[in-house]
Amino acid sequence: MELAAEMEVPMVRTFGGGFKQGAASEIEAVEYVAELLAKVSSQARQLGVSVLLETHDEFSHSAMVRDVLGLISIPEVGSLWDVHHPYRMGESVEETYLNLAPSLQHVHLKDALRNGGD
């Protein structure tokens, strides 16, 4: 975040990664990521940057990103829609948009295929 602020970049992306080791459920993983994002939000605010949780890794389903951000509701923390990963998980554009629209701050577009070529 400090480097982003120094370079006048308005946002940094982050991934939820794999589930926290020992997490028994998706709910615990969502709560853990929300807790971590809340911890960095005051520094993000001070530096004038946003921290965006990307649809990636275990958080490729946009509903998980929505659930994380719904727990904290902090303006400096938002979502980044990497269009490939929710699509790869079988989500429609409409479903992903509805899940992310309230927090959406950036979109990654790319040319990709699901496994199996469809």
PDB file of N, CA and C in Angstrom:
ATOM      1  N   MET A   1       0.816  -1.183   0.000  1.00  0.00           N
ATOM      2  CA  MET A   1       0.000   0.000   0.000  1.00  0.00           C
ATOM      3  C   MET A   1       0.867   1.257   0.000  1.00  0.00           C
ATOM      4  N   GLU A   2       1.959   1.199   0.726  1.00  0.00           N
ATOM      5  CA  GLU A   2       2.850   2.361   0.759  1.00  0.00           C
ATOM      6  C   GLU A   2       3.434   2.640  -0.615  1.00  0.00           C
ATOM      7  N   LEU A   3       3.855   1.611  -1.318  1.00  0.00           N
ATOM      8  CA  LEU A   3       4.395   1.785  -2.662  1.00  0.00           C
ATOM      9  C   LEU A   3       3.325   2.320  -3.604  1.00  0.00           C
ATOM     10  N   ALA A   4       2.123   1.794  -3.500  1.00  0.00           N
ATOM     11  CA  ALA A   4       1.021   2.283  -4.339  1.00  0.00           C
ATOM     12  C   ALA A   4       0.785   3.764  -4.086  1.00  0.00           C
ATOM     13  N   ALA A   5       0.763   4.173  -2.829  1.00  0.00           N
ATOM     14  CA  ALA A   5       0.557   5.589  -2.494  1.00  0.00           C
ATOM     15  C   ALA A   5       1.688   6.446  -3.042  1.00  0.00           C
ATOM     16  N   GLU A   6       2.907   5.973  -2.885  1.00  0.00           N
ATOM     17  CA  GLU A   6       4.077   6.718  -3.381  1.00  0.00           C
ATOM     18  C   GLU A   6       4.017   6.885  -4.900  1.00  0.00           C
ATOM     19  N   MET A   7       3.517   5.869  -5.595  1.00  0.00           N
ATOM     20  CA  MET A   7       3.438   5.919  -7.058  1.00  0.00           C
ATOM     21  C   MET A   7       2.116   6.520  -7.547  1.00  0.00           C
ATOM     22  N   GLU A   8       1.273   6.959  -6.600  1.00  0.00           N
ATOM     23  CA  GLU A   8      -0.032   7.535  -6.905  1.00  0.00           C
ATOM     24  C   GLU A   8      -0.951   6.558  -7.634  1.00  0.00           C
ATOM     25  N   VAL A   9      -0.854   5.307  -7.244  1.00  0.00           N
ATOM     26  CA  VAL A   9      -1.734   4.255  -7.748  1.00  0.00           C
ATOM     27  C   VAL A   9      -2.904   4.159  -6.762  1.00  0.00           C
ATOM     28  N   PRO A  10      -4.144   4.276  -7.235  1.00  0.00           N
ATOM     29  CA  PRO A  10      -5.271   4.395  -6.309  1.00  0.00           C
ATOM     30  C   PRO A  10      -5.731   3.103  -5.654  1.00  0.00           C
ATOM     31  N   MET A  11      -5.215   1.959  -6.100  1.00  0.00           N
ATOM     32  CA  MET A  11      -5.714   0.702  -5.540  1.00  0.00           C
ATOM     33  C   MET A  11      -4.649  -0.378  -5.605  1.00  0.00           C
ATOM     34  N   VAL A  12      -4.789  -1.330  -4.696  1.00  0.00           N
ATOM     35  CA  VAL A  12      -3.982  -2.550  -4.728  1.00  0.00           C
ATOM     36  C   VAL A  12      -4.952  -3.721  -4.662  1.00  0.00           C
ATOM     37  N   ARG A  13      -4.584  -4.794  -5.307  1.00  0.00           N
ATOM     38  CA  ARG A  13      -5.440  -5.977  -5.268  1.00  0.00           C
ATOM     39  C   ARG A  13      -4.855  -6.963  -4.281  1.00  0.00           C
ATOM     40  N   THR A  14      -5.737  -7.783  -3.762  1.00  0.00           N
ATOM     41  CA  THR A  14      -5.311  -8.867  -2.895  1.00  0.00           C
ATOM     42  C   THR A  14      -6.187 -10.072  -3.177  1.00  0.00           C
ATOM     43  N   PHE A  15      -5.669 -11.235  -2.847  1.00  0.00           N
ATOM     44  CA  PHE A  15      -6.407 -12.470  -3.019  1.00  0.00           C
ATOM     45  C   PHE A  15      -6.797 -13.011  -1.649  1.00  0.00           C
ATOM     46  N   GLY A  16      -7.927 -13.692  -1.594  1.00  0.00           N
ATOM     47  CA  GLY A  16      -8.290 -14.385  -0.362  1.00  0.00           C
ATOM     48  C   GLY A  16      -7.439 -15.621  -0.159  1.00  0.00           C
ATOM     49  N   GLY A  17      -6.838 -16.112  -1.246  1.00  0.00           N
ATOM     50  CA  GLY A  17      -5.965 -17.274  -1.189  1.00  0.00           C
ATOM     51  C   GLY A  17      -6.732 -18.558  -0.929  1.00  0.00           C
ATOM     52  N   GLY A  18      -6.013 -19.531  -0.443  1.00  0.00           N
ATOM     53  CA  GLY A  18      -6.653 -20.776  -0.018  1.00  0.00           C
ATOM     54  C   GLY A  18      -7.259 -20.549   1.354  1.00  0.00           C
ATOM     55  N   PHE A  19      -8.065 -21.470   1.790  1.00  0.00           N
ATOM     56  CA  PHE A  19      -8.658 -21.321   3.111  1.00  0.00           C
ATOM     57  C   PHE A  19      -7.579 -21.356   4.177  1.00  0.00           C
ATOM     58  N   LYS A  20      -7.789 -20.572   5.219  1.00  0.00           N
ATOM     59  CA  LYS A  20      -6.878 -20.561   6.357  1.00  0.00           C
ATOM     60  C   LYS A  20      -6.696 -21.990   6.835  1.00  0.00           C
ATOM     61  N   GLN A  21      -5.457 -22.362   7.079  1.00  0.00           N
ATOM     62  CA  GLN A  21      -5.198 -23.722   7.536  1.00  0.00           C
ATOM     63  C   GLN A  21      -6.004 -23.985   8.806  1.00  0.00           C
ATOM     64  N   GLY A  22      -6.723 -25.072   8.788  1.00  0.00           N
ATOM     65  CA  GLY A  22      -7.539 -25.437   9.932  1.00  0.00           C
ATOM     66  C   GLY A  22      -8.950 -24.876   9.886  1.00  0.00           C
ATOM     67  N   ALA A  23      -9.256 -24.035   8.880  1.00  0.00           N
ATOM     68  CA  ALA A  23     -10.620 -23.504   8.785  1.00  0.00           C
ATOM     69  C   ALA A  23     -11.564 -24.663   8.500  1.00  0.00           C
ATOM     70  N   ALA A  24     -12.625 -24.734   9.265  1.00  0.00           N
ATOM     71  CA  ALA A  24     -13.552 -25.855   9.128  1.00  0.00           C
ATOM     72  C   ALA A  24     -14.601 -25.599   8.060  1.00  0.00           C
ATOM     73  N   SER A  25     -14.747 -24.346   7.615  1.00  0.00           N
ATOM     74  CA  SER A  25     -15.829 -24.063   6.686  1.00  0.00           C
ATOM     75  C   SER A  25     -15.543 -22.806   5.879  1.00  0.00           C
ATOM     76  N   GLU A  26     -16.330 -22.630   4.821  1.00  0.00           N
ATOM     77  CA  GLU A  26     -16.248 -21.402   4.038  1.00  0.00           C
ATOM     78  C   GLU A  26     -16.595 -20.189   4.903  1.00  0.00           C
ATOM     79  N   ILE A  27     -17.519 -20.359   5.820  1.00  0.00           N
ATOM     80  CA  ILE A  27     -17.917 -19.256   6.696  1.00  0.00           C
ATOM     81  C   ILE A  27     -16.724 -18.764   7.505  1.00  0.00           C
ATOM     82  N   GLU A  28     -15.940 -19.678   8.048  1.00  0.00           N
ATOM     83  CA  GLU A  28     -14.752 -19.279   8.804  1.00  0.00           C
ATOM     84  C   GLU A  28     -13.733 -18.599   7.911  1.00  0.00           C
ATOM     85  N   ALA A  29     -13.579 -19.077   6.676  1.00  0.00           N
ATOM     86  CA  ALA A  29     -12.645 -18.448   5.746  1.00  0.00           C
ATOM     87  C   ALA A  29     -13.097 -17.032   5.411  1.00  0.00           C
ATOM     88  N   VAL A  30     -14.385 -16.841   5.174  1.00  0.00           N
ATOM     89  CA  VAL A  30     -14.933 -15.521   4.877  1.00  0.00           C
ATOM     90  C   VAL A  30     -14.699 -14.589   6.060  1.00  0.00           C
ATOM     91  N   GLU A  31     -14.965 -15.051   7.260  1.00  0.00           N
ATOM     92  CA  GLU A  31     -14.770 -14.230   8.456  1.00  0.00           C
ATOM     93  C   GLU A  31     -13.301 -13.872   8.647  1.00  0.00           C
ATOM     94  N   TYR A  32     -12.409 -14.814   8.388  1.00  0.00           N
ATOM     95  CA  TYR A  32     -10.969 -14.584   8.541  1.00  0.00           C
ATOM     96  C   TYR A  32     -10.477 -13.522   7.561  1.00  0.00           C
ATOM     97  N   VAL A  33     -10.872 -13.627   6.299  1.00  0.00           N
ATOM     98  CA  VAL A  33     -10.440 -12.640   5.297  1.00  0.00           C
ATOM     99  C   VAL A  33     -11.037 -11.275   5.618  1.00  0.00           C
ATOM    100  N   ALA A  34     -12.278 -11.231   6.048  1.00  0.00           N
ATOM    101  CA  ALA A  34     -12.895  -9.957   6.433  1.00  0.00           C
ATOM    102  C   ALA A  34     -12.131  -9.316   7.582  1.00  0.00           C
ATOM    103  N   GLU A  35     -11.745 -10.106   8.546  1.00  0.00           N
ATOM    104  CA  GLU A  35     -10.979  -9.595   9.689  1.00  0.00           C
ATOM    105  C   GLU A  35      -9.649  -8.994   9.232  1.00  0.00           C
ATOM    106  N   LEU A  36      -8.959  -9.688   8.351  1.00  0.00           N
ATOM    107  CA  LEU A  36      -7.667  -9.191   7.866  1.00  0.00           C
ATOM    108  C   LEU A  36      -7.828  -7.907   7.051  1.00  0.00           C
ATOM    109  N   LEU A  37      -8.843  -7.854   6.194  1.00  0.00           N
ATOM    110  CA  LEU A  37      -9.071  -6.639   5.408  1.00  0.00           C
ATOM    111  C   LEU A  37      -9.445  -5.460   6.305  1.00  0.00           C
ATOM    112  N   ALA A  38     -10.217  -5.717   7.337  1.00  0.00           N
ATOM    113  CA  ALA A  38     -10.572  -4.650   8.276  1.00  0.00           C
ATOM    114  C   ALA A  38      -9.324  -4.104   8.966  1.00  0.00           C
ATOM    115  N   LYS A  39      -8.376  -4.991   9.257  1.00  0.00           N
ATOM    116  CA  LYS A  39      -7.140  -4.559   9.922  1.00  0.00           C
ATOM    117  C   LYS A  39      -6.312  -3.615   9.060  1.00  0.00           C
ATOM    118  N   VAL A  40      -6.306  -3.815   7.752  1.00  0.00           N
ATOM    119  CA  VAL A  40      -5.481  -2.961   6.887  1.00  0.00           C
ATOM    120  C   VAL A  40      -6.228  -1.724   6.403  1.00  0.00           C
ATOM    121  N   SER A  41      -7.516  -1.634   6.682  1.00  0.00           N
ATOM    122  CA  SER A  41      -8.317  -0.542   6.123  1.00  0.00           C
ATOM    123  C   SER A  41      -7.916   0.834   6.638  1.00  0.00           C
ATOM    124  N   SER A  42      -7.518   0.942   7.890  1.00  0.00           N
ATOM    125  CA  SER A  42      -7.138   2.270   8.401  1.00  0.00           C
ATOM    126  C   SER A  42      -5.856   2.756   7.742  1.00  0.00           C
ATOM    127  N   GLN A  43      -4.913   1.864   7.500  1.00  0.00           N
ATOM    128  CA  GLN A  43      -3.693   2.256   6.790  1.00  0.00           C
ATOM    129  C   GLN A  43      -4.022   2.638   5.349  1.00  0.00           C
ATOM    130  N   ALA A  44      -4.912   1.892   4.710  1.00  0.00           N
ATOM    131  CA  ALA A  44      -5.328   2.228   3.348  1.00  0.00           C
ATOM    132  C   ALA A  44      -5.941   3.620   3.318  1.00  0.00           C
ATOM    133  N   ARG A  45      -6.788   3.918   4.286  1.00  0.00           N
ATOM    134  CA  ARG A  45      -7.426   5.240   4.369  1.00  0.00           C
ATOM    135  C   ARG A  45      -6.366   6.340   4.518  1.00  0.00           C
ATOM    136  N   GLN A  46      -5.420   6.131   5.418  1.00  0.00           N
ATOM    137  CA  GLN A  46      -4.363   7.118   5.646  1.00  0.00           C
ATOM    138  C   GLN A  46      -3.521   7.357   4.397  1.00  0.00           C
ATOM    139  N   LEU A  47      -3.293   6.300   3.631  1.00  0.00           N
ATOM    140  CA  LEU A  47      -2.452   6.396   2.437  1.00  0.00           C
ATOM    141  C   LEU A  47      -3.237   6.831   1.200  1.00  0.00           C
ATOM    142  N   GLY A  48      -4.553   6.821   1.281  1.00  0.00           N
ATOM    143  CA  GLY A  48      -5.375   7.228   0.144  1.00  0.00           C
ATOM    144  C   GLY A  48      -5.466   6.187  -0.952  1.00  0.00           C
ATOM    145  N   VAL A  49      -5.412   4.918  -0.568  1.00  0.00           N
ATOM    146  CA  VAL A  49      -5.549   3.837  -1.544  1.00  0.00           C
ATOM    147  C   VAL A  49      -6.696   2.919  -1.122  1.00  0.00           C
ATOM    148  N   SER A  50      -7.205   2.170  -2.078  1.00  0.00           N
ATOM    149  CA  SER A  50      -8.210   1.148  -1.801  1.00  0.00           C
ATOM    150  C   SER A  50      -7.561  -0.222  -1.877  1.00  0.00           C
ATOM    151  N   VAL A  51      -8.050  -1.146  -1.079  1.00  0.00           N
ATOM    152  CA  VAL A  51      -7.615  -2.539  -1.124  1.00  0.00           C
ATOM    153  C   VAL A  51      -8.782  -3.329  -1.706  1.00  0.00           C
ATOM    154  N   LEU A  52      -8.523  -4.027  -2.806  1.00  0.00           N
ATOM    155  CA  LEU A  52      -9.589  -4.726  -3.526  1.00  0.00           C
ATOM    156  C   LEU A  52      -9.390  -6.231  -3.442  1.00  0.00           C
ATOM    157  N   LEU A  53     -10.421  -6.922  -2.982  1.00  0.00           N
ATOM    158  CA  LEU A  53     -10.417  -8.385  -2.919  1.00  0.00           C
ATOM    159  C   LEU A  53     -10.830  -8.910  -4.288  1.00  0.00           C
ATOM    160  N   GLU A  54      -9.930  -9.661  -4.908  1.00  0.00           N
ATOM    161  CA  GLU A  54     -10.160 -10.151  -6.269  1.00  0.00           C
ATOM    162  C   GLU A  54     -10.870 -11.496  -6.269  1.00  0.00           C
ATOM    163  N   THR A  55     -11.726 -11.699  -7.262  1.00  0.00           N
ATOM    164  CA  THR A  55     -12.328 -13.016  -7.482  1.00  0.00           C
ATOM    165  C   THR A  55     -11.220 -13.924  -8.014  1.00  0.00           C
ATOM    166  N   HIS A  56     -10.642 -14.711  -7.116  1.00  0.00           N
ATOM    167  CA  HIS A  56      -9.458 -15.503  -7.446  1.00  0.00           C
ATOM    168  C   HIS A  56      -9.311 -16.599  -6.402  1.00  0.00           C
ATOM    169  N   ASP A  57      -8.570 -17.631  -6.716  1.00  0.00           N
ATOM    170  CA  ASP A  57      -8.278 -18.728  -5.799  1.00  0.00           C
ATOM    171  C   ASP A  57      -9.572 -19.305  -5.214  1.00  0.00           C
ATOM    172  N   GLU A  58      -9.584 -19.549  -3.912  1.00  0.00           N
ATOM    173  CA  GLU A  58     -10.776 -20.091  -3.253  1.00  0.00           C
ATOM    174  C   GLU A  58     -11.933 -19.093  -3.274  1.00  0.00           C
ATOM    175  N   PHE A  59     -11.646 -17.837  -3.585  1.00  0.00           N
ATOM    176  CA  PHE A  59     -12.664 -16.796  -3.622  1.00  0.00           C
ATOM    177  C   PHE A  59     -13.074 -16.466  -5.057  1.00  0.00           C
ATOM    178  N   SER A  60     -12.954 -17.434  -5.946  1.00  0.00           N
ATOM    179  CA  SER A  60     -13.368 -17.248  -7.337  1.00  0.00           C
ATOM    180  C   SER A  60     -14.874 -17.105  -7.469  1.00  0.00           C
ATOM    181  N   HIS A  61     -15.627 -17.717  -6.585  1.00  0.00           N
ATOM    182  CA  HIS A  61     -17.082 -17.523  -6.568  1.00  0.00           C
ATOM    183  C   HIS A  61     -17.357 -16.126  -6.030  1.00  0.00           C
ATOM    184  N   SER A  62     -18.041 -15.319  -6.794  1.00  0.00           N
ATOM    185  CA  SER A  62     -18.276 -13.932  -6.395  1.00  0.00           C
ATOM    186  C   SER A  62     -19.083 -13.822  -5.104  1.00  0.00           C
ATOM    187  N   ALA A  63     -19.879 -14.812  -4.788  1.00  0.00           N
ATOM    188  CA  ALA A  63     -20.657 -14.770  -3.543  1.00  0.00           C
ATOM    189  C   ALA A  63     -19.738 -14.743  -2.328  1.00  0.00           C
ATOM    190  N   MET A  64     -18.586 -15.396  -2.408  1.00  0.00           N
ATOM    191  CA  MET A  64     -17.661 -15.372  -1.272  1.00  0.00           C
ATOM    192  C   MET A  64     -17.068 -13.987  -1.091  1.00  0.00           C
ATOM    193  N   VAL A  65     -16.706 -13.326  -2.191  1.00  0.00           N
ATOM    194  CA  VAL A  65     -16.195 -11.958  -2.116  1.00  0.00           C
ATOM    195  C   VAL A  65     -17.286 -11.045  -1.555  1.00  0.00           C
ATOM    196  N   ARG A  66     -18.501 -11.207  -2.062  1.00  0.00           N
ATOM    197  CA  ARG A  66     -19.642 -10.433  -1.556  1.00  0.00           C
ATOM    198  C   ARG A  66     -19.814 -10.626  -0.059  1.00  0.00           C
ATOM    199  N   ASP A  67     -19.710 -11.864   0.396  1.00  0.00           N
ATOM    200  CA  ASP A  67     -19.909 -12.158   1.806  1.00  0.00           C
ATOM    201  C   ASP A  67     -18.823 -11.533   2.674  1.00  0.00           C
ATOM    202  N   VAL A  68     -17.584 -11.575   2.215  1.00  0.00           N
ATOM    203  CA  VAL A  68     -16.486 -10.935   2.956  1.00  0.00           C
ATOM    204  C   VAL A  68     -16.768  -9.447   3.104  1.00  0.00           C
ATOM    205  N   LEU A  69     -17.047  -8.798   1.990  1.00  0.00           N
ATOM    206  CA  LEU A  69     -17.211  -7.347   2.011  1.00  0.00           C
ATOM    207  C   LEU A  69     -18.495  -6.938   2.729  1.00  0.00           C
ATOM    208  N   GLY A  70     -19.482  -7.800   2.733  1.00  0.00           N
ATOM    209  CA  GLY A  70     -20.700  -7.526   3.470  1.00  0.00           C
ATOM    210  C   GLY A  70     -20.497  -7.521   4.975  1.00  0.00           C
ATOM    211  N   LEU A  71     -19.467  -8.190   5.453  1.00  0.00           N
ATOM    212  CA  LEU A  71     -19.185  -8.220   6.888  1.00  0.00           C
ATOM    213  C   LEU A  71     -18.505  -6.952   7.377  1.00  0.00           C
ATOM    214  N   ILE A  72     -17.821  -6.232   6.482  1.00  0.00           N
ATOM    215  CA  ILE A  72     -17.028  -5.095   6.968  1.00  0.00           C
ATOM    216  C   ILE A  72     -17.494  -3.737   6.460  1.00  0.00           C
ATOM    217  N   SER A  73     -18.048  -3.628   5.286  1.00  0.00           N
ATOM    218  CA  SER A  73     -18.595  -2.378   4.762  1.00  0.00           C
ATOM    219  C   SER A  73     -17.699  -1.170   5.044  1.00  0.00           C
ATOM    220  N   ILE A  74     -16.499  -1.199   4.463  1.00  0.00           N
ATOM    221  CA  ILE A  74     -15.496  -0.144   4.635  1.00  0.00           C
ATOM    222  C   ILE A  74     -15.205   0.440   3.255  1.00  0.00           C
ATOM    223  N   PRO A  75     -15.352   1.757   3.065  1.00  0.00           N
ATOM    224  CA  PRO A  75     -15.184   2.347   1.724  1.00  0.00           C
ATOM    225  C   PRO A  75     -13.830   2.061   1.072  1.00  0.00           C
ATOM    226  N   GLU A  76     -12.785   1.936   1.867  1.00  0.00           N
ATOM    227  CA  GLU A  76     -11.439   1.693   1.315  1.00  0.00           C
ATOM    228  C   GLU A  76     -11.206   0.245   0.931  1.00  0.00           C
ATOM    229  N   VAL A  77     -12.168  -0.619   1.185  1.00  0.00           N
ATOM    230  CA  VAL A  77     -12.050  -2.040   0.845  1.00  0.00           C
ATOM    231  C   VAL A  77     -13.182  -2.382  -0.109  1.00  0.00           C
ATOM    232  N   GLY A  78     -12.821  -2.869  -1.292  1.00  0.00           N
ATOM    233  CA  GLY A  78     -13.828  -3.177  -2.302  1.00  0.00           C
ATOM    234  C   GLY A  78     -13.510  -4.462  -3.025  1.00  0.00           C
ATOM    235  N   SER A  79     -14.177  -4.650  -4.155  1.00  0.00           N
ATOM    236  CA  SER A  79     -13.981  -5.870  -4.934  1.00  0.00           C
ATOM    237  C   SER A  79     -13.347  -5.557  -6.286  1.00  0.00           C
ATOM    238  N   LEU A  80     -12.622  -6.553  -6.777  1.00  0.00           N
ATOM    239  CA  LEU A  80     -12.040  -6.535  -8.110  1.00  0.00           C
ATOM    240  C   LEU A  80     -12.570  -7.781  -8.811  1.00  0.00           C
ATOM    241  N   TRP A  81     -13.238  -7.573  -9.923  1.00  0.00           N
ATOM    242  CA  TRP A  81     -13.838  -8.671 -10.684  1.00  0.00           C
ATOM    243  C   TRP A  81     -12.868  -9.096 -11.762  1.00  0.00           C
ATOM    244  N   ASP A  82     -12.209 -10.224 -11.563  1.00  0.00           N
ATOM    245  CA  ASP A  82     -11.419 -10.872 -12.613  1.00  0.00           C
ATOM    246  C   ASP A  82     -12.421 -11.753 -13.353  1.00  0.00           C
ATOM    247  N   VAL A  83     -12.796 -11.350 -14.551  1.00  0.00           N
ATOM    248  CA  VAL A  83     -13.921 -11.988 -15.235  1.00  0.00           C
ATOM    249  C   VAL A  83     -13.710 -13.484 -15.491  1.00  0.00           C
ATOM    250  N   HIS A  84     -12.470 -13.916 -15.560  1.00  0.00           N
ATOM    251  CA  HIS A  84     -12.216 -15.318 -15.867  1.00  0.00           C
ATOM    252  C   HIS A  84     -12.644 -16.265 -14.742  1.00  0.00           C
ATOM    253  N   HIS A  85     -12.311 -15.930 -13.522  1.00  0.00           N
ATOM    254  CA  HIS A  85     -12.477 -16.913 -12.449  1.00  0.00           C
ATOM    255  C   HIS A  85     -13.935 -17.227 -12.103  1.00  0.00           C
ATOM    256  N   PRO A  86     -14.818 -16.252 -11.940  1.00  0.00           N
ATOM    257  CA  PRO A  86     -16.218 -16.631 -11.721  1.00  0.00           C
ATOM    258  C   PRO A  86     -16.797 -17.400 -12.922  1.00  0.00           C
ATOM    259  N   TYR A  87     -16.419 -16.995 -14.137  1.00  0.00           N
ATOM    260  CA  TYR A  87     -16.855 -17.700 -15.344  1.00  0.00           C
ATOM    261  C   TYR A  87     -16.374 -19.148 -15.308  1.00  0.00           C
ATOM    262  N   ARG A  88     -15.126 -19.339 -14.924  1.00  0.00           N
ATOM    263  CA  ARG A  88     -14.537 -20.674 -14.818  1.00  0.00           C
ATOM    264  C   ARG A  88     -15.298 -21.527 -13.813  1.00  0.00           C
ATOM    265  N   MET A  89     -15.876 -20.888 -12.800  1.00  0.00           N
ATOM    266  CA  MET A  89     -16.630 -21.592 -11.771  1.00  0.00           C
ATOM    267  C   MET A  89     -18.091 -21.823 -12.184  1.00  0.00           C
ATOM    268  N   GLY A  90     -18.462 -21.356 -13.395  1.00  0.00           N
ATOM    269  CA  GLY A  90     -19.803 -21.591 -13.902  1.00  0.00           C
ATOM    270  C   GLY A  90     -20.791 -20.468 -13.649  1.00  0.00           C
ATOM    271  N   GLU A  91     -20.318 -19.335 -13.141  1.00  0.00           N
ATOM    272  CA  GLU A  91     -21.214 -18.208 -12.891  1.00  0.00           C
ATOM    273  C   GLU A  91     -21.531 -17.462 -14.178  1.00  0.00           C
ATOM    274  N   SER A  92     -22.714 -16.918 -14.236  1.00  0.00           N
ATOM    275  CA  SER A  92     -23.071 -16.037 -15.345  1.00  0.00           C
ATOM    276  C   SER A  92     -22.563 -14.627 -15.041  1.00  0.00           C
ATOM    277  N   VAL A  93     -22.427 -13.825 -16.075  1.00  0.00           N
ATOM    278  CA  VAL A  93     -22.036 -12.427 -15.910  1.00  0.00           C
ATOM    279  C   VAL A  93     -23.046 -11.713 -15.008  1.00  0.00           C
ATOM    280  N   GLU A  94     -24.318 -12.003 -15.205  1.00  0.00           N
ATOM    281  CA  GLU A  94     -25.365 -11.355 -14.414  1.00  0.00           C
ATOM    282  C   GLU A  94     -25.226 -11.688 -12.928  1.00  0.00           C
ATOM    283  N   GLU A  95     -24.986 -12.945 -12.624  1.00  0.00           N
ATOM    284  CA  GLU A  95     -24.846 -13.368 -11.220  1.00  0.00           C
ATOM    285  C   GLU A  95     -23.650 -12.675 -10.572  1.00  0.00           C
ATOM    286  N   THR A  96     -22.530 -12.687 -11.270  1.00  0.00           N
ATOM    287  CA  THR A  96     -21.329 -12.059 -10.722  1.00  0.00           C
ATOM    288  C   THR A  96     -21.555 -10.567 -10.514  1.00  0.00           C
ATOM    289  N   TYR A  97     -22.150  -9.911 -11.495  1.00  0.00           N
ATOM    290  CA  TYR A  97     -22.399  -8.477 -11.368  1.00  0.00           C
ATOM    291  C   TYR A  97     -23.295  -8.185 -10.161  1.00  0.00           C
ATOM    292  N   LEU A  98     -24.357  -8.933 -10.003  1.00  0.00           N
ATOM    293  CA  LEU A  98     -25.254  -8.695  -8.869  1.00  0.00           C
ATOM    294  C   LEU A  98     -24.538  -8.880  -7.534  1.00  0.00           C
ATOM    295  N   ASN A  99     -23.643  -9.845  -7.456  1.00  0.00           N
ATOM    296  CA  ASN A  99     -22.896 -10.071  -6.215  1.00  0.00           C
ATOM    297  C   ASN A  99     -21.884  -8.978  -5.925  1.00  0.00           C
ATOM    298  N   LEU A 100     -21.256  -8.448  -6.962  1.00  0.00           N
ATOM    299  CA  LEU A 100     -20.146  -7.516  -6.746  1.00  0.00           C
ATOM    300  C   LEU A 100     -20.500  -6.039  -6.901  1.00  0.00           C
ATOM    301  N   ALA A 101     -21.594  -5.733  -7.558  1.00  0.00           N
ATOM    302  CA  ALA A 101     -21.905  -4.326  -7.888  1.00  0.00           C
ATOM    303  C   ALA A 101     -21.789  -3.366  -6.712  1.00  0.00           C
ATOM    304  N   PRO A 102     -22.275  -3.693  -5.521  1.00  0.00           N
ATOM    305  CA  PRO A 102     -22.195  -2.714  -4.432  1.00  0.00           C
ATOM    306  C   PRO A 102     -20.768  -2.350  -4.009  1.00  0.00           C
ATOM    307  N   SER A 103     -19.818  -3.240  -4.258  1.00  0.00           N
ATOM    308  CA  SER A 103     -18.440  -3.013  -3.813  1.00  0.00           C
ATOM    309  C   SER A 103     -17.442  -2.893  -4.962  1.00  0.00           C
ATOM    310  N   LEU A 104     -17.914  -3.004  -6.192  1.00  0.00           N
ATOM    311  CA  LEU A 104     -17.032  -3.107  -7.358  1.00  0.00           C
ATOM    312  C   LEU A 104     -16.269  -1.816  -7.616  1.00  0.00           C
ATOM    313  N   GLN A 105     -14.929  -1.948  -7.679  1.00  0.00           N
ATOM    314  CA  GLN A 105     -14.083  -0.789  -7.955  1.00  0.00           C
ATOM    315  C   GLN A 105     -13.187  -0.981  -9.175  1.00  0.00           C
ATOM    316  N   HIS A 106     -13.031  -2.226  -9.647  1.00  0.00           N
ATOM    317  CA  HIS A 106     -12.152  -2.469 -10.799  1.00  0.00           C
ATOM    318  C   HIS A 106     -12.520  -3.803 -11.438  1.00  0.00           C
ATOM    319  N   VAL A 107     -12.284  -3.913 -12.752  1.00  0.00           N
ATOM    320  CA  VAL A 107     -12.572  -5.151 -13.492  1.00  0.00           C
ATOM    321  C   VAL A 107     -11.341  -5.521 -14.310  1.00  0.00           C
ATOM    322  N   HIS A 108     -10.956  -6.803 -14.245  1.00  0.00           N
ATOM    323  CA  HIS A 108      -9.906  -7.343 -15.113  1.00  0.00           C
ATOM    324  C   HIS A 108     -10.586  -8.078 -16.253  1.00  0.00           C
ATOM    325  N   LEU A 109     -10.292  -7.702 -17.463  1.00  0.00           N
ATOM    326  CA  LEU A 109     -10.796  -8.404 -18.637  1.00  0.00           C
ATOM    327  C   LEU A 109      -9.679  -9.226 -19.238  1.00  0.00           C
ATOM    328  N   LYS A 110     -10.009 -10.418 -19.685  1.00  0.00           N
ATOM    329  CA  LYS A 110      -9.014 -11.270 -20.327  1.00  0.00           C
ATOM    330  C   LYS A 110      -9.716 -12.257 -21.235  1.00  0.00           C
ATOM    331  N   ASP A 111      -8.973 -12.807 -22.125  1.00  0.00           N
ATOM    332  CA  ASP A 111      -9.458 -13.805 -23.055  1.00  0.00           C
ATOM    333  C   ASP A 111      -9.115 -15.177 -22.488  1.00  0.00           C
ATOM    334  N   ALA A 112     -10.124 -15.979 -22.170  1.00  0.00           N
ATOM    335  CA  ALA A 112      -9.858 -17.272 -21.555  1.00  0.00           C
ATOM    336  C   ALA A 112     -10.965 -18.254 -21.894  1.00  0.00           C
ATOM    337  N   LEU A 113     -10.670 -19.521 -21.712  1.00  0.00           N
ATOM    338  CA  LEU A 113     -11.635 -20.601 -21.894  1.00  0.00           C
ATOM    339  C   LEU A 113     -11.745 -21.392 -20.612  1.00  0.00           C
ATOM    340  N   ARG A 114     -12.926 -21.941 -20.363  1.00  0.00           N
ATOM    341  CA  ARG A 114     -13.074 -22.905 -19.263  1.00  0.00           C
ATOM    342  C   ARG A 114     -12.337 -24.165 -19.661  1.00  0.00           C
ATOM    343  N   ASN A 115     -11.984 -24.978 -18.675  1.00  0.00           N
ATOM    344  CA  ASN A 115     -11.425 -26.301 -18.988  1.00  0.00           C
ATOM    345  C   ASN A 115     -12.424 -27.040 -19.854  1.00  0.00           C
ATOM    346  N   GLY A 116     -11.958 -27.693 -20.872  1.00  0.00           N
ATOM    347  CA  GLY A 116     -12.850 -28.399 -21.787  1.00  0.00           C
ATOM    348  C   GLY A 116     -13.184 -27.568 -23.010  1.00  0.00           C
ATOM    349  N   GLY A 117     -12.710 -26.319 -23.045  1.00  0.00           N
ATOM    350  CA  GLY A 117     -12.848 -25.502 -24.246  1.00  0.00           C
ATOM    351  C   GLY A 117     -14.155 -24.796 -24.439  1.00  0.00           C
ATOM    352  N   ASP A 118     -15.076 -24.802 -23.452  1.00  0.00           N
ATOM    353  CA  ASP A 118     -16.350 -24.090 -23.666  1.00  0.00           C
ATOM    354  C   ASP A 118     -16.319 -22.695 -23.081  1.00  0.00           C
TER     355      ASP A 118
END
